[in-house]
Amino acid sequence: MAHAHFAKSPLVGIVPAMVTAITVLEVAAGALSALGCVMIMILRDSTLAFYGAIIAAIAIVALFFGQRMAKDYGRCGRPCSLLSAGTERDVSAGAAVKVRADG
């Protein structure tokens, strides 16, 4: 569950509210962007599209904040090249697999 993801963070008690807030932000960003696209084509007015982009940026910042608070960035610290042949890399299940080049 989402609660386990934030189990060791100060946000553990407000996870349902955070999920609701992110959902509202993303739906608002999508709706404003879609309406803004129509407004640009019909009236040449980009105001709604601009507000949609602002709300989308706020949603992304909120997602990054949640990731930072959950300290879910451990795998990002070391480089991992998917194109290098004969190396091991992490997969989502946590198992190591051998990457093979057929060339």
Protein backbone atom coordinates (compact mmCIF):
# COMPACT_ATOMS: atom_id res chain seq x y z
CA MET A 1 0.00 0.00 0.00
CA ALA A 2 0.96 3.65 -0.22
CA HIS A 3 1.19 3.83 3.57
CA ALA A 4 4.12 1.39 3.55
CA HIS A 5 5.94 3.64 1.08
CA PHE A 6 5.80 6.52 3.60
CA ALA A 7 6.14 4.36 6.74
CA LYS A 8 9.39 6.01 7.88
CA SER A 9 8.51 9.57 6.90
CA PRO A 10 6.70 12.31 8.79
CA LEU A 11 3.92 12.16 6.18
CA VAL A 12 2.64 8.70 7.17
CA GLY A 13 -0.59 10.07 8.69
CA ILE A 14 -1.69 12.16 5.72
CA VAL A 15 -1.12 9.78 2.79
CA PRO A 16 -4.82 9.63 1.72
CA ALA A 17 -5.01 13.44 1.71
CA MET A 18 -1.80 13.65 -0.34
CA VAL A 19 -3.08 11.15 -2.90
CA THR A 20 -6.33 13.11 -3.19
CA ALA A 21 -4.44 16.41 -3.58
CA ILE A 22 -2.18 14.98 -6.31
CA THR A 23 -5.19 13.55 -8.13
CA VAL A 24 -7.03 16.88 -8.00
CA LEU A 25 -3.93 18.75 -9.22
CA GLU A 26 -3.38 16.34 -12.12
CA VAL A 27 -7.03 16.36 -13.20
CA ALA A 28 -7.11 20.17 -13.01
CA ALA A 29 -3.88 20.42 -15.00
CA GLY A 30 -5.23 18.09 -17.68
CA ALA A 31 -8.59 19.86 -17.92
CA LEU A 32 -7.05 23.32 -18.08
CA SER A 33 -4.51 22.16 -20.66
CA ALA A 34 -7.20 20.56 -22.84
CA LEU A 35 -9.45 23.61 -22.63
CA GLY A 36 -6.42 25.82 -23.21
CA CYS A 37 -5.59 23.89 -26.36
CA VAL A 38 -9.11 24.46 -27.68
CA MET A 39 -8.93 28.14 -26.71
CA ILE A 40 -5.63 28.51 -28.55
CA MET A 41 -7.10 27.01 -31.72
CA ILE A 42 -10.36 28.96 -31.61
CA LEU A 43 -9.60 32.30 -29.97
CA ARG A 44 -5.79 32.44 -30.08
CA ASP A 45 -5.82 32.88 -26.29
CA SER A 46 -3.28 30.88 -24.31
CA THR A 47 -4.32 31.91 -20.80
CA LEU A 48 -5.96 28.59 -19.83
CA ALA A 49 -3.08 26.58 -21.30
CA PHE A 50 -0.66 28.66 -19.24
CA TYR A 51 -2.63 27.99 -16.05
CA GLY A 52 -2.70 24.28 -16.94
CA ALA A 53 1.09 24.29 -17.26
CA ILE A 54 1.44 26.07 -13.91
CA ILE A 55 -0.80 23.52 -12.16
CA ALA A 56 1.10 20.66 -13.84
CA ALA A 57 4.39 22.12 -12.57
CA ILE A 58 2.96 22.32 -9.05
CA ALA A 59 1.88 18.66 -9.29
CA ILE A 60 5.36 17.59 -10.38
CA VAL A 61 6.97 19.52 -7.53
CA ALA A 62 4.53 17.87 -5.10
CA LEU A 63 5.44 14.43 -6.45
CA PHE A 64 9.16 15.18 -6.08
CA PHE A 65 8.51 16.40 -2.52
CA GLY A 66 6.74 13.14 -1.66
CA GLN A 67 9.55 11.08 -3.17
CA ARG A 68 12.11 13.08 -1.20
CA MET A 69 10.19 12.70 2.06
CA ALA A 70 9.80 8.94 1.51
CA LYS A 71 13.52 8.76 0.69
CA ASP A 72 12.70 6.64 -2.36
CA TYR A 73 15.72 7.61 -4.42
CA GLY A 74 18.24 4.93 -3.44
CA ARG A 75 18.54 3.37 -6.89
CA CYS A 76 19.14 6.75 -8.49
CA GLY A 77 22.55 7.18 -6.88
CA ARG A 78 24.55 4.87 -9.09
CA PRO A 79 24.76 4.93 -12.87
CA CYS A 80 23.11 2.11 -14.75
CA SER A 81 23.56 1.74 -18.47
CA LEU A 82 21.01 -0.40 -20.24
CA LEU A 83 23.12 -0.47 -23.38
CA SER A 84 26.34 -1.92 -21.95
CA ALA A 85 26.69 -5.60 -22.80
CA GLY A 86 27.64 -8.20 -20.21
CA THR A 87 26.82 -6.15 -17.14
CA GLU A 88 24.35 -6.77 -14.35
CA ARG A 89 21.60 -4.31 -13.59
CA ASP A 90 18.76 -4.06 -11.09
CA VAL A 91 15.23 -4.81 -12.18
CA SER A 92 12.08 -3.77 -10.40
CA ALA A 93 11.78 -7.11 -8.58
CA GLY A 94 15.26 -6.65 -7.13
CA ALA A 95 16.82 -9.60 -8.92
CA ALA A 96 19.96 -9.26 -11.01
CA VAL A 97 19.78 -10.28 -14.65
CA LYS A 98 22.48 -10.66 -17.25
CA VAL A 99 22.19 -8.27 -20.20
CA ARG A 100 23.32 -9.85 -23.45
CA ALA A 101 24.22 -8.17 -26.72
CA ASP A 102 23.32 -10.07 -29.90
CA GLY A 103 25.81 -8.37 -32.10
